[in-house]
N, C-alpha and C. Protein backbone atom coordinates (compact mmCIF):
# COMPACT_ATOMS: atom_id res chain seq x y z
N MET A 1 0.73 16.98 9.38
CA MET A 1 -0.34 17.26 9.69
C MET A 1 -1.23 15.58 9.68
N SER A 2 -1.49 15.78 10.79
CA SER A 2 -2.38 14.42 10.87
C SER A 2 -4.07 14.57 11.38
N GLY A 3 -5.27 13.83 11.09
CA GLY A 3 -6.71 14.16 11.36
C GLY A 3 -6.67 13.75 12.97
N PRO A 4 -7.98 13.53 13.25
CA PRO A 4 -8.66 13.04 14.39
C PRO A 4 -7.88 11.92 15.26
N GLU A 5 -8.15 11.56 16.09
CA GLU A 5 -7.61 9.63 16.04
C GLU A 5 -9.54 9.30 16.58
N ARG A 6 -9.48 7.94 15.98
CA ARG A 6 -10.44 6.97 15.90
C ARG A 6 -9.69 5.69 16.04
N VAL A 7 -10.68 4.45 16.24
CA VAL A 7 -10.62 3.26 16.12
C VAL A 7 -11.26 2.30 15.17
N VAL A 8 -10.39 1.40 14.67
CA VAL A 8 -10.60 1.04 13.16
C VAL A 8 -10.34 -0.43 13.69
N PRO A 9 -11.18 -1.54 13.15
CA PRO A 9 -10.67 -2.78 12.50
C PRO A 9 -8.96 -2.75 11.70
N VAL A 10 -8.07 -3.43 12.05
CA VAL A 10 -7.06 -3.95 11.26
C VAL A 10 -6.82 -5.36 11.01
N PHE A 11 -6.53 -5.38 9.57
CA PHE A 11 -5.90 -6.80 8.62
C PHE A 11 -4.29 -6.29 8.43
N PRO A 12 -3.29 -7.11 9.67
CA PRO A 12 -2.10 -6.87 8.76
C PRO A 12 -2.13 -8.20 8.06
N LEU A 13 -0.97 -7.58 7.02
CA LEU A 13 -0.88 -8.47 6.09
C LEU A 13 0.75 -8.71 5.71
N GLY A 14 1.04 -9.32 4.56
CA GLY A 14 2.58 -9.39 4.18
C GLY A 14 2.91 -8.97 3.04
N THR A 15 1.82 -7.91 2.80
CA THR A 15 2.13 -6.83 1.51
C THR A 15 1.52 -5.59 1.91
N VAL A 16 2.13 -4.39 1.13
CA VAL A 16 1.87 -2.92 1.31
C VAL A 16 0.55 -2.84 0.67
N LEU A 17 -0.21 -2.42 0.95
CA LEU A 17 -1.17 -1.58 0.35
C LEU A 17 -1.42 0.14 -0.26
N PHE A 18 -1.12 0.60 -1.09
CA PHE A 18 -1.21 1.99 -1.46
C PHE A 18 -2.53 2.37 -1.50
N PRO A 19 -2.43 3.77 -1.01
CA PRO A 19 -3.85 4.91 -1.93
C PRO A 19 -3.59 4.54 -3.27
N PHE A 20 -5.21 4.55 -3.54
CA PHE A 20 -5.31 4.14 -4.88
C PHE A 20 -5.31 3.11 -5.36
N ALA A 21 -4.86 1.94 -4.97
CA ALA A 21 -4.24 0.50 -5.38
C ALA A 21 -5.50 -0.04 -5.07
N VAL A 22 -5.49 -1.68 -5.90
CA VAL A 22 -7.08 -2.24 -5.23
C VAL A 22 -6.17 -3.19 -4.96
N LEU A 23 -6.83 -3.91 -4.25
CA LEU A 23 -5.87 -5.34 -3.49
C LEU A 23 -7.47 -6.69 -3.43
N ALA A 24 -6.74 -7.55 -3.97
CA ALA A 24 -8.05 -8.70 -4.17
C ALA A 24 -7.28 -9.41 -2.47
N LEU A 25 -8.37 -9.77 -1.34
CA LEU A 25 -8.41 -10.74 -0.15
C LEU A 25 -9.30 -11.90 -0.25
N HIS A 26 -7.93 -12.81 0.34
CA HIS A 26 -9.00 -14.21 0.80
C HIS A 26 -9.08 -14.21 2.09
N VAL A 27 -10.01 -14.14 2.72
CA VAL A 27 -10.61 -14.15 4.21
C VAL A 27 -11.43 -15.48 4.84
N PHE A 28 -10.25 -16.25 5.45
CA PHE A 28 -10.52 -17.82 5.86
C PHE A 28 -10.40 -17.92 7.37
N GLU A 29 -9.91 -16.95 7.83
CA GLU A 29 -9.18 -17.61 9.94
C GLU A 29 -10.82 -16.53 10.19
N PRO A 30 -11.10 -17.39 11.08
CA PRO A 30 -12.60 -17.44 11.88
C PRO A 30 -12.45 -15.26 12.15
N ARG A 31 -12.14 -15.42 12.95
CA ARG A 31 -11.40 -13.86 13.32
C ARG A 31 -11.64 -12.71 12.86
N TYR A 32 -11.46 -13.26 11.40
CA TYR A 32 -11.22 -12.05 9.92
C TYR A 32 -12.85 -11.93 9.27
N ARG A 33 -13.47 -13.16 9.34
CA ARG A 33 -14.68 -13.41 9.22
C ARG A 33 -15.51 -12.42 10.03
N VAL A 34 -15.37 -12.74 10.95
CA VAL A 34 -16.15 -11.46 12.07
C VAL A 34 -15.90 -10.02 11.46
N MET A 35 -14.82 -9.83 11.32
CA MET A 35 -14.32 -8.43 11.08
C MET A 35 -14.94 -7.74 9.48
N VAL A 36 -15.21 -8.94 8.82
CA VAL A 36 -15.56 -8.83 7.16
C VAL A 36 -17.04 -8.37 7.59
N ARG A 37 -17.77 -9.24 8.13
CA ARG A 37 -19.18 -9.37 8.60
C ARG A 37 -19.82 -7.16 9.58
N ARG A 38 -18.84 -7.19 10.44
CA ARG A 38 -18.81 -6.09 10.89
C ARG A 38 -18.64 -4.78 10.15
N VAL A 39 -17.32 -4.91 9.45
CA VAL A 39 -17.39 -4.08 8.29
C VAL A 39 -18.62 -3.51 7.28
N LEU A 40 -18.62 -4.76 6.88
CA LEU A 40 -19.98 -4.85 5.59
C LEU A 40 -21.07 -4.25 6.91
N ASP A 41 -21.26 -4.35 7.78
CA ASP A 41 -22.24 -3.44 8.15
C ASP A 41 -22.16 -2.24 8.47
N GLY A 42 -21.10 -1.71 8.22
CA GLY A 42 -20.38 -0.45 8.91
C GLY A 42 -20.55 0.13 7.55
N ASP A 43 -18.97 1.21 7.54
CA ASP A 43 -19.11 2.11 6.72
C ASP A 43 -18.02 1.88 5.30
N HIS A 44 -18.02 -0.14 5.57
CA HIS A 44 -17.08 -0.76 4.96
C HIS A 44 -15.57 -0.51 4.57
N GLU A 45 -14.95 0.23 5.60
CA GLU A 45 -13.62 0.16 5.73
C GLU A 45 -13.12 -0.10 6.90
N PHE A 46 -11.41 -0.42 6.97
CA PHE A 46 -10.87 -1.03 7.99
C PHE A 46 -9.31 -0.87 7.43
N GLY A 47 -8.09 -1.52 8.14
CA GLY A 47 -7.03 -0.59 8.22
C GLY A 47 -6.35 -2.05 7.51
N VAL A 48 -4.95 -1.66 6.66
CA VAL A 48 -4.09 -3.03 6.21
C VAL A 48 -2.77 -1.98 6.78
N VAL A 49 -2.10 -2.78 7.72
CA VAL A 49 -0.68 -2.04 7.85
C VAL A 49 -0.04 -3.71 6.91
N LEU A 50 1.12 -3.48 7.07
CA LEU A 50 2.30 -4.63 6.66
C LEU A 50 3.15 -5.48 8.49
N ILE A 51 3.36 -6.42 8.23
CA ILE A 51 3.21 -7.29 9.06
C ILE A 51 5.02 -7.19 8.96
N GLU A 52 5.86 -6.72 10.30
CA GLU A 52 6.89 -6.66 10.42
C GLU A 52 7.91 -8.22 10.57
N ARG A 53 7.16 -9.33 11.26
CA ARG A 53 7.73 -10.23 11.92
C ARG A 53 6.07 -11.09 12.38
N GLY A 54 6.42 -12.43 12.43
CA GLY A 54 5.04 -13.01 12.45
C GLY A 54 4.46 -13.55 10.92
N SER A 55 3.29 -13.88 11.52
CA SER A 55 2.32 -14.14 10.20
C SER A 55 0.81 -13.40 10.70
N GLU A 56 -0.16 -13.27 9.62
CA GLU A 56 -1.50 -12.85 9.63
C GLU A 56 -1.91 -14.06 10.32
N VAL A 57 -1.71 -15.23 10.03
CA VAL A 57 -2.79 -16.07 10.62
C VAL A 57 -1.94 -16.92 11.59
N GLY A 58 -3.17 -16.29 12.80
CA GLY A 58 -3.04 -17.08 14.02
C GLY A 58 -2.94 -15.83 15.40
N GLY A 59 -2.23 -14.64 14.59
CA GLY A 59 -1.72 -13.75 15.99
C GLY A 59 -0.46 -13.94 15.94
N GLY A 60 0.37 -12.72 17.15
CA GLY A 60 1.54 -13.20 17.72
C GLY A 60 2.12 -12.51 16.32
N ASP A 61 1.72 -11.69 15.77
CA ASP A 61 2.64 -10.93 14.56
C ASP A 61 3.04 -9.99 15.62
N THR A 62 4.34 -8.87 14.83
CA THR A 62 4.74 -7.47 14.86
C THR A 62 4.45 -6.67 13.44
N ARG A 63 3.55 -5.53 14.11
CA ARG A 63 2.98 -4.60 12.69
C ARG A 63 4.17 -3.67 12.89
N PHE A 64 3.85 -2.93 11.44
CA PHE A 64 4.44 -1.69 11.00
C PHE A 64 3.32 -0.41 11.48
N GLY A 65 3.73 1.01 11.87
CA GLY A 65 3.06 1.76 12.28
C GLY A 65 1.96 2.61 11.31
N VAL A 66 2.54 2.46 10.56
CA VAL A 66 1.92 3.11 9.34
C VAL A 66 1.19 2.04 8.37
N GLY A 67 -0.07 2.43 7.96
CA GLY A 67 -1.03 1.88 7.06
C GLY A 67 -1.91 2.73 6.44
N THR A 68 -2.84 1.63 5.44
CA THR A 68 -3.39 2.51 4.55
C THR A 68 -5.30 1.84 4.97
N ILE A 69 -5.98 3.26 5.21
CA ILE A 69 -7.57 2.58 5.08
C ILE A 69 -7.99 2.26 3.52
N ALA A 70 -8.55 0.54 4.06
CA ALA A 70 -8.88 -0.16 2.67
C ALA A 70 -10.58 0.16 2.55
N ARG A 71 -10.97 0.75 1.62
CA ARG A 71 -12.54 0.13 1.39
C ARG A 71 -12.88 -0.66 0.54
N VAL A 72 -13.87 -1.51 0.92
CA VAL A 72 -14.15 -2.34 0.33
C VAL A 72 -15.42 -2.50 -0.93
N VAL A 73 -15.09 -2.19 -2.30
CA VAL A 73 -15.56 -2.42 -3.06
C VAL A 73 -16.42 -2.97 -3.71
N GLN A 74 -15.80 -4.71 -3.28
CA GLN A 74 -16.72 -6.08 -3.84
C GLN A 74 -16.10 -6.72 -2.64
N ALA A 75 -17.22 -7.58 -2.75
CA ALA A 75 -17.79 -8.83 -1.58
C ALA A 75 -18.31 -9.50 -1.81
N SER A 76 -17.80 -10.89 -1.35
CA SER A 76 -18.54 -12.37 -1.92
C SER A 76 -18.23 -13.07 -0.52
N GLU A 77 -19.22 -13.74 -0.13
CA GLU A 77 -19.32 -14.67 0.71
C GLU A 77 -19.53 -15.96 0.39
N LEU A 78 -18.86 -16.97 0.46
CA LEU A 78 -18.42 -18.23 -0.10
C LEU A 78 -19.47 -18.91 0.38
N PRO A 79 -19.60 -20.53 0.31
CA PRO A 79 -20.44 -21.44 1.05
C PRO A 79 -20.03 -21.82 2.48
N ASP A 80 -18.87 -21.88 2.22
CA ASP A 80 -18.58 -22.24 3.54
C ASP A 80 -17.99 -21.50 4.65
N GLY A 81 -18.42 -20.10 4.32
CA GLY A 81 -18.06 -18.86 5.18
C GLY A 81 -17.05 -18.08 4.87
N ARG A 82 -16.00 -18.37 4.17
CA ARG A 82 -14.52 -17.71 3.62
C ARG A 82 -15.40 -16.62 3.09
N TRP A 83 -14.38 -15.59 2.94
CA TRP A 83 -15.09 -14.22 2.08
C TRP A 83 -13.77 -13.63 1.02
N ALA A 84 -14.53 -13.49 -0.24
CA ALA A 84 -13.64 -13.01 -1.64
C ALA A 84 -13.42 -11.10 -1.34
N LEU A 85 -12.55 -10.47 -1.02
CA LEU A 85 -13.02 -8.99 -1.30
C LEU A 85 -11.88 -8.62 -2.22
N ALA A 86 -12.67 -7.33 -2.52
CA ALA A 86 -11.75 -6.44 -3.45
C ALA A 86 -11.86 -5.34 -2.57
N VAL A 87 -10.71 -4.80 -2.38
CA VAL A 87 -10.59 -3.29 -1.49
C VAL A 87 -9.82 -2.07 -2.64
N VAL A 88 -10.17 -1.12 -1.68
CA VAL A 88 -9.21 0.29 -2.70
C VAL A 88 -8.30 0.94 -1.78
N GLY A 89 -7.25 1.16 -1.70
CA GLY A 89 -6.59 1.98 -0.81
C GLY A 89 -7.34 3.23 -0.65
N THR A 90 -7.40 4.14 0.00
CA THR A 90 -7.96 5.80 0.27
C THR A 90 -7.16 6.42 0.80
N ARG A 91 -6.52 6.19 2.11
CA ARG A 91 -5.92 7.16 2.78
C ARG A 91 -4.67 7.12 3.60
N ARG A 92 -3.67 7.09 4.36
CA ARG A 92 -2.82 6.62 5.07
C ARG A 92 -3.60 6.97 6.36
N PHE A 93 -2.41 6.26 7.00
CA PHE A 93 -2.66 6.51 8.84
C PHE A 93 -1.75 5.77 9.41
N ARG A 94 -1.59 6.50 10.46
CA ARG A 94 -0.38 6.23 11.87
C ARG A 94 -1.46 5.60 13.05
N VAL A 95 -0.75 4.38 13.49
CA VAL A 95 -0.86 3.44 14.66
C VAL A 95 -0.79 4.72 15.74
N VAL A 96 -1.87 4.82 16.56
CA VAL A 96 -1.63 6.29 18.04
C VAL A 96 -1.23 4.86 18.76
N GLY A 97 -2.33 3.32 18.93
CA GLY A 97 -2.04 2.87 20.15
C GLY A 97 -2.70 1.03 19.68
N TRP A 98 -2.60 -0.05 19.78
CA TRP A 98 -3.54 -0.98 19.58
C TRP A 98 -3.90 -1.41 20.85
N ARG A 99 -5.00 -1.56 20.08
CA ARG A 99 -6.54 -2.34 21.30
C ARG A 99 -6.31 -3.79 21.37
N PRO A 100 -6.85 -4.61 22.12
CA PRO A 100 -6.81 -5.87 22.48
C PRO A 100 -7.33 -6.68 21.14
N ASP A 101 -6.60 -7.40 20.44
CA ASP A 101 -7.56 -8.54 19.59
C ASP A 101 -8.30 -9.26 20.24
N ASP A 102 -10.26 -8.01 20.04
CA ASP A 102 -11.18 -8.87 20.15
C ASP A 102 -12.14 -8.90 19.45
N PRO A 103 -12.59 -10.03 18.44
CA PRO A 103 -11.41 -10.90 18.21
C PRO A 103 -10.38 -10.43 17.52
N TYR A 104 -10.30 -9.57 16.58
CA TYR A 104 -9.68 -9.40 15.80
C TYR A 104 -8.73 -7.92 15.98
N PRO A 105 -7.42 -7.73 15.37
CA PRO A 105 -6.58 -6.73 15.60
C PRO A 105 -7.75 -5.09 15.66
N GLN A 106 -7.57 -4.38 16.30
CA GLN A 106 -8.22 -3.05 15.98
C GLN A 106 -7.14 -1.83 16.95
N ALA A 107 -7.14 -0.80 16.26
CA ALA A 107 -6.08 0.67 16.77
C ALA A 107 -6.88 1.61 16.55
N GLU A 108 -6.06 2.11 17.55
CA GLU A 108 -6.47 3.58 17.60
C GLU A 108 -5.62 4.75 16.22
N ILE A 109 -6.18 5.30 15.68
CA ILE A 109 -5.10 5.52 14.15
C ILE A 109 -5.61 7.21 14.19
N SER A 110 -4.46 7.59 13.98
CA SER A 110 -4.70 9.07 13.23
C SER A 110 -4.48 9.62 11.36
N GLU A 111 -5.14 9.85 11.07
CA GLU A 111 -4.60 9.50 9.66
C GLU A 111 -4.05 10.79 9.31
N LEU A 112 -3.01 10.47 7.88
CA LEU A 112 -2.08 11.20 7.74
C LEU A 112 -2.17 12.34 6.48
N ASP A 113 -1.72 13.38 6.42
CA ASP A 113 -1.97 14.01 5.38
C ASP A 113 -0.66 14.34 4.60
N GLU A 114 -0.97 14.35 3.53
CA GLU A 114 0.29 15.01 2.05
C GLU A 114 1.06 15.83 3.05
N ALA A 115 2.29 16.10 3.00
CA ALA A 115 3.28 16.85 2.95
C ALA A 115 3.39 18.14 1.85
N ALA A 116 2.74 19.19 2.41
CA ALA A 116 2.41 20.07 0.88
C ALA A 116 3.80 20.73 0.44
N VAL A 117 4.21 20.52 -1.05
CA VAL A 117 5.39 20.87 -1.90
C VAL A 117 4.56 22.04 -2.50
N PRO A 118 6.17 23.11 -3.46
CA PRO A 118 5.53 23.35 -4.27
C PRO A 118 5.18 22.74 -5.66
N SER A 119 4.14 22.78 -6.53
CA SER A 119 3.63 21.98 -7.27
C SER A 119 4.63 22.06 -8.71
N ALA A 120 5.83 22.58 -9.04
CA ALA A 120 6.51 22.49 -9.77
C ALA A 120 7.59 21.60 -9.29
N ASP A 121 7.83 21.38 -7.70
CA ASP A 121 8.77 20.39 -7.21
C ASP A 121 8.35 19.54 -7.32
N ALA A 122 7.02 18.99 -7.12
CA ALA A 122 6.61 18.01 -6.58
C ALA A 122 6.25 17.21 -8.72
N ALA A 123 5.75 18.15 -9.68
CA ALA A 123 5.89 17.48 -10.87
C ALA A 123 7.37 17.32 -11.48
N ALA A 124 8.99 18.36 -10.71
CA ALA A 124 10.13 17.32 -11.58
C ALA A 124 9.99 16.46 -10.84
N ALA A 125 9.72 15.53 -9.69
CA ALA A 125 9.76 14.43 -9.13
C ALA A 125 9.08 13.68 -9.72
N ARG A 126 7.58 14.02 -10.71
CA ARG A 126 6.94 13.19 -10.60
C ARG A 126 7.75 12.82 -12.49
N ASP A 127 8.42 13.38 -12.86
CA ASP A 127 8.89 13.49 -14.28
C ASP A 127 10.43 12.44 -13.91
N ARG A 128 11.03 12.53 -12.55
CA ARG A 128 12.59 11.89 -12.33
C ARG A 128 11.73 10.34 -12.37
N ALA A 129 10.98 9.89 -11.54
CA ALA A 129 10.25 8.86 -11.33
C ALA A 129 9.84 8.11 -12.54
N GLY A 130 9.12 8.95 -13.85
CA GLY A 130 8.53 8.79 -15.09
C GLY A 130 9.82 8.03 -15.56
N ALA A 131 11.00 9.21 -15.54
CA ALA A 131 12.09 8.49 -16.43
C ALA A 131 12.48 7.08 -15.98
N ALA A 132 12.98 6.88 -14.58
CA ALA A 132 13.51 6.01 -14.15
C ALA A 132 12.65 5.00 -14.32
N PHE A 133 11.29 4.85 -14.13
CA PHE A 133 10.49 3.16 -14.44
C PHE A 133 11.10 3.22 -16.10
N ASP A 134 11.36 4.14 -17.27
CA ASP A 134 11.55 4.01 -18.55
C ASP A 134 13.09 3.51 -18.74
N ARG A 135 13.79 3.85 -17.80
CA ARG A 135 15.17 3.28 -17.90
C ARG A 135 14.99 1.73 -17.29
N LEU A 136 14.03 1.18 -16.21
CA LEU A 136 14.17 -0.16 -15.90
C LEU A 136 13.19 -0.66 -16.93
N THR A 137 12.40 0.20 -17.94
CA THR A 137 11.54 -0.90 -18.55
C THR A 137 12.83 -1.53 -20.04
N LEU A 138 13.55 -0.32 -20.64
CA LEU A 138 14.16 -0.76 -21.44
C LEU A 138 15.14 -1.81 -20.95
N VAL A 139 15.37 -1.99 -19.69
CA VAL A 139 16.35 -2.93 -19.39
C VAL A 139 15.64 -4.23 -19.33
N VAL A 140 14.43 -4.35 -18.93
CA VAL A 140 13.74 -5.67 -18.44
C VAL A 140 13.07 -5.84 -20.04
N ARG A 141 13.12 -5.13 -21.18
CA ARG A 141 12.99 -5.47 -22.82
C ARG A 141 14.09 -5.94 -23.52
N ALA A 142 15.64 -5.45 -22.89
CA ALA A 142 16.68 -6.33 -23.30
C ALA A 142 16.62 -7.25 -23.07
N LEU A 143 16.13 -8.16 -21.86
CA LEU A 143 16.53 -9.58 -21.30
C LEU A 143 14.98 -9.80 -22.09
N ASP A 144 13.83 -9.52 -21.67
CA ASP A 144 12.70 -10.35 -22.04
C ASP A 144 11.76 -9.45 -23.52
N PRO A 145 11.85 -9.38 -24.54
CA PRO A 145 11.25 -8.24 -25.57
C PRO A 145 9.68 -8.15 -25.30
N GLY A 146 9.02 -9.53 -24.69
CA GLY A 146 8.02 -9.67 -24.79
C GLY A 146 6.94 -9.01 -23.68
N VAL A 147 8.30 -8.23 -22.74
CA VAL A 147 7.20 -7.30 -21.71
C VAL A 147 6.88 -6.18 -22.28
N GLY A 148 5.60 -5.20 -21.99
CA GLY A 148 4.98 -3.97 -22.56
C GLY A 148 5.91 -3.28 -22.42
N VAL A 149 5.29 -1.81 -22.92
CA VAL A 149 5.63 -0.55 -22.78
C VAL A 149 5.86 0.17 -21.32
N PHE A 150 6.16 0.83 -20.67
CA PHE A 150 5.59 1.61 -19.71
C PHE A 150 4.53 2.46 -19.85
N PRO A 151 3.16 2.31 -19.24
CA PRO A 151 2.57 2.94 -19.51
C PRO A 151 2.59 4.89 -18.95
N GLY A 152 3.31 5.07 -18.56
CA GLY A 152 3.58 6.63 -18.13
C GLY A 152 2.80 6.70 -16.52
N LEU A 153 2.93 7.83 -15.82
CA LEU A 153 2.57 8.12 -14.62
C LEU A 153 1.25 9.00 -14.44
N ASP A 154 0.48 9.24 -13.82
CA ASP A 154 -0.43 9.96 -13.30
C ASP A 154 -0.43 11.08 -13.59
N PRO A 155 -0.75 12.57 -14.03
CA PRO A 155 -0.18 13.63 -14.38
C PRO A 155 -0.21 14.15 -12.82
N ASP A 156 -1.09 14.00 -11.82
CA ASP A 156 -1.11 14.37 -10.38
C ASP A 156 -0.28 13.81 -9.34
N PRO A 157 0.78 14.45 -9.07
CA PRO A 157 2.08 13.95 -8.76
C PRO A 157 1.55 13.08 -7.01
N THR A 158 0.35 13.33 -6.62
CA THR A 158 0.31 12.47 -4.99
C THR A 158 0.12 11.42 -6.01
N GLN A 159 -1.20 11.42 -6.79
CA GLN A 159 -1.36 9.46 -7.03
C GLN A 159 -0.47 9.22 -8.55
N ALA A 160 0.42 10.01 -8.58
CA ALA A 160 1.46 9.63 -10.04
C ALA A 160 2.83 8.49 -8.70
N SER A 161 2.42 9.00 -7.28
CA SER A 161 3.48 8.56 -6.18
C SER A 161 3.08 7.08 -5.58
N TYR A 162 1.94 6.88 -5.75
CA TYR A 162 1.45 5.72 -5.12
C TYR A 162 1.17 4.79 -5.98
N GLU A 163 0.54 5.60 -7.34
CA GLU A 163 0.33 4.59 -8.40
C GLU A 163 1.97 3.76 -8.91
N GLY A 164 2.91 4.75 -9.01
CA GLY A 164 4.10 4.45 -9.19
C GLY A 164 5.09 3.34 -8.05
N ALA A 165 4.24 3.59 -6.75
CA ALA A 165 5.03 2.81 -5.77
C ALA A 165 4.09 1.33 -5.83
N ALA A 166 2.67 1.06 -6.34
CA ALA A 166 2.14 -0.10 -6.18
C ALA A 166 2.86 -1.18 -7.51
N ARG A 167 3.73 -0.36 -8.65
CA ARG A 167 4.13 -0.48 -9.75
C ARG A 167 5.04 -1.20 -9.49
N ALA A 168 5.46 -0.85 -8.28
CA ALA A 168 7.62 -0.71 -8.51
C ALA A 168 7.90 -2.38 -8.07
N PRO A 169 8.93 -2.80 -8.74
CA PRO A 169 9.15 -4.31 -8.72
C PRO A 169 10.20 -4.57 -6.89
N VAL A 170 9.53 -4.08 -6.09
CA VAL A 170 10.27 -3.47 -4.68
C VAL A 170 9.94 -4.96 -3.93
N GLY A 171 10.58 -4.95 -2.53
CA GLY A 171 10.08 -6.20 -1.60
C GLY A 171 9.17 -5.27 -0.88
N PRO A 172 8.84 -5.96 0.19
CA PRO A 172 7.81 -5.38 1.50
C PRO A 172 8.57 -4.20 2.20
N LEU A 173 9.46 -4.43 2.18
CA LEU A 173 10.28 -3.36 3.04
C LEU A 173 10.40 -1.82 2.53
N ASP A 174 11.12 -2.03 1.50
CA ASP A 174 10.80 -0.82 0.40
C ASP A 174 9.38 -0.20 0.07
N ALA A 175 8.39 -1.34 -0.30
CA ALA A 175 7.24 -0.31 -0.21
C ALA A 175 7.23 0.27 1.02
N GLN A 176 7.32 -0.07 1.89
CA GLN A 176 6.97 0.39 3.36
C GLN A 176 7.22 2.07 3.33
N ARG A 177 8.39 1.63 3.00
CA ARG A 177 9.64 3.01 2.98
C ARG A 177 8.37 4.02 1.94
N LEU A 178 8.52 3.55 0.72
CA LEU A 178 7.73 4.86 0.19
C LEU A 178 6.26 4.83 0.47
N LEU A 179 5.41 4.30 1.53
CA LEU A 179 4.63 4.37 1.78
C LEU A 179 4.33 5.37 3.01
N GLU A 180 5.52 5.20 3.82
CA GLU A 180 5.60 6.34 5.19
C GLU A 180 5.88 7.58 4.65
N ALA A 181 6.77 7.41 3.43
CA ALA A 181 7.53 8.81 2.82
C ALA A 181 6.40 10.37 3.45
N SER A 182 6.82 11.32 3.37
CA SER A 182 6.03 12.27 3.65
C SER A 182 5.22 13.29 2.65
N GLY A 183 5.81 12.95 1.95
CA GLY A 183 4.73 13.17 0.67
C GLY A 183 5.14 12.85 -0.78
N PRO A 184 4.68 13.47 -1.60
CA PRO A 184 4.58 12.99 -3.30
C PRO A 184 6.06 13.75 -3.48
N SER A 185 6.82 13.96 -3.17
CA SER A 185 8.21 14.77 -3.96
C SER A 185 8.99 13.93 -3.29
N GLU A 186 9.48 13.57 -1.93
CA GLU A 186 9.91 12.65 -1.01
C GLU A 186 9.38 11.50 -2.08
N ARG A 187 8.40 10.38 -1.74
CA ARG A 187 8.37 9.52 -2.19
C ARG A 187 8.29 9.10 -3.92
N LEU A 188 8.09 10.25 -5.05
CA LEU A 188 8.86 9.82 -6.10
C LEU A 188 10.42 10.14 -5.98
N ASP A 189 11.10 10.53 -5.37
CA ASP A 189 12.13 10.74 -5.54
C ASP A 189 12.77 9.34 -4.96
N LEU A 190 12.44 9.17 -3.94
CA LEU A 190 12.58 7.63 -3.47
C LEU A 190 12.27 6.60 -4.33
N LEU A 191 11.11 6.46 -5.00
CA LEU A 191 10.96 5.62 -6.10
C LEU A 191 11.81 5.70 -6.80
N ALA A 192 12.24 6.79 -7.73
CA ALA A 192 13.25 6.85 -8.83
C ALA A 192 14.68 6.06 -8.27
N ARG A 193 15.01 6.54 -6.93
CA ARG A 193 16.39 5.98 -6.45
C ARG A 193 16.34 4.24 -7.15
N LEU A 194 14.82 3.63 -6.02
CA LEU A 194 14.85 2.25 -6.09
C LEU A 194 14.42 1.35 -7.10
N LEU A 195 13.80 2.42 -8.42
CA LEU A 195 14.03 1.50 -9.87
C LEU A 195 15.09 1.45 -10.40
N ASP A 196 16.13 2.55 -9.80
CA ASP A 196 17.50 3.01 -10.29
C ASP A 196 17.95 1.69 -10.12
N ASP A 197 18.25 1.28 -8.56
CA ASP A 197 18.85 0.14 -7.90
C ASP A 197 18.47 -1.21 -8.49
N VAL A 198 17.14 -1.33 -9.10
CA VAL A 198 16.43 -2.76 -9.60
C VAL A 198 17.04 -2.92 -11.24
N ALA A 199 17.17 -1.48 -12.01
CA ALA A 199 17.74 -1.69 -13.06
C ALA A 199 19.13 -2.24 -12.96
N ASP A 200 19.95 -1.48 -12.23
CA ASP A 200 21.34 -1.94 -12.21
C ASP A 200 21.57 -3.23 -11.80
N ASP A 201 20.64 -3.79 -10.68
CA ASP A 201 20.61 -5.28 -10.61
C ASP A 201 20.72 -5.88 -11.53
N LEU A 202 19.48 -6.26 -12.50
CA LEU A 202 19.49 -6.52 -13.52
C LEU A 202 20.46 -6.29 -14.77
N ARG A 203 21.14 -5.33 -14.55
CA ARG A 203 21.90 -4.91 -15.93
C ARG A 203 23.28 -6.17 -15.15
N ARG A 204 23.38 -5.95 -14.29
CA ARG A 204 24.58 -7.40 -13.84
C ARG A 204 24.49 -8.80 -14.22
N VAL A 205 22.84 -9.02 -14.43
CA VAL A 205 22.16 -10.63 -14.82
C VAL A 205 23.03 -10.89 -15.37
């Protein structure tokens, strides 16, 4: 299920923002400075999408079609007009269509709901992902005893799926796969597989 369509400003980045995650941004390009001012004058929200090809500087990039609504929780304008922002991811969206960059990217979006799953299935998937984090932590601590103990996942499977995805030592394309998963069970099971792949790679080091 998805929500009604609306138009939002979008900041394409080289990283994935997950719901519940906090991201620090340094905004220096003139068009995004304009965007920040308009966002702060409005509802303090904009979209973040991963860049598939190209760069966030200067335009001409190719962007993925699923992203996250970011809400500005702290904003500081620097003397030269740059911005230092702290944002938190709130909910996912799918891009329905891109508007012309005028002057910054804007998109028609539809917000995405999480797929409904039986609570027992989601809890079991959460436990599998938590066990995968524990296995990876043991491997990492064998290589570097100074690494801390994994603190565990949130009891809520949906929050656990996003927080676990944000913590996972995976590249941006795998992070995008996690973001696009239809619901917590699918995301947590994919997360467990990716973590086990990382652990296997480290065992061969």
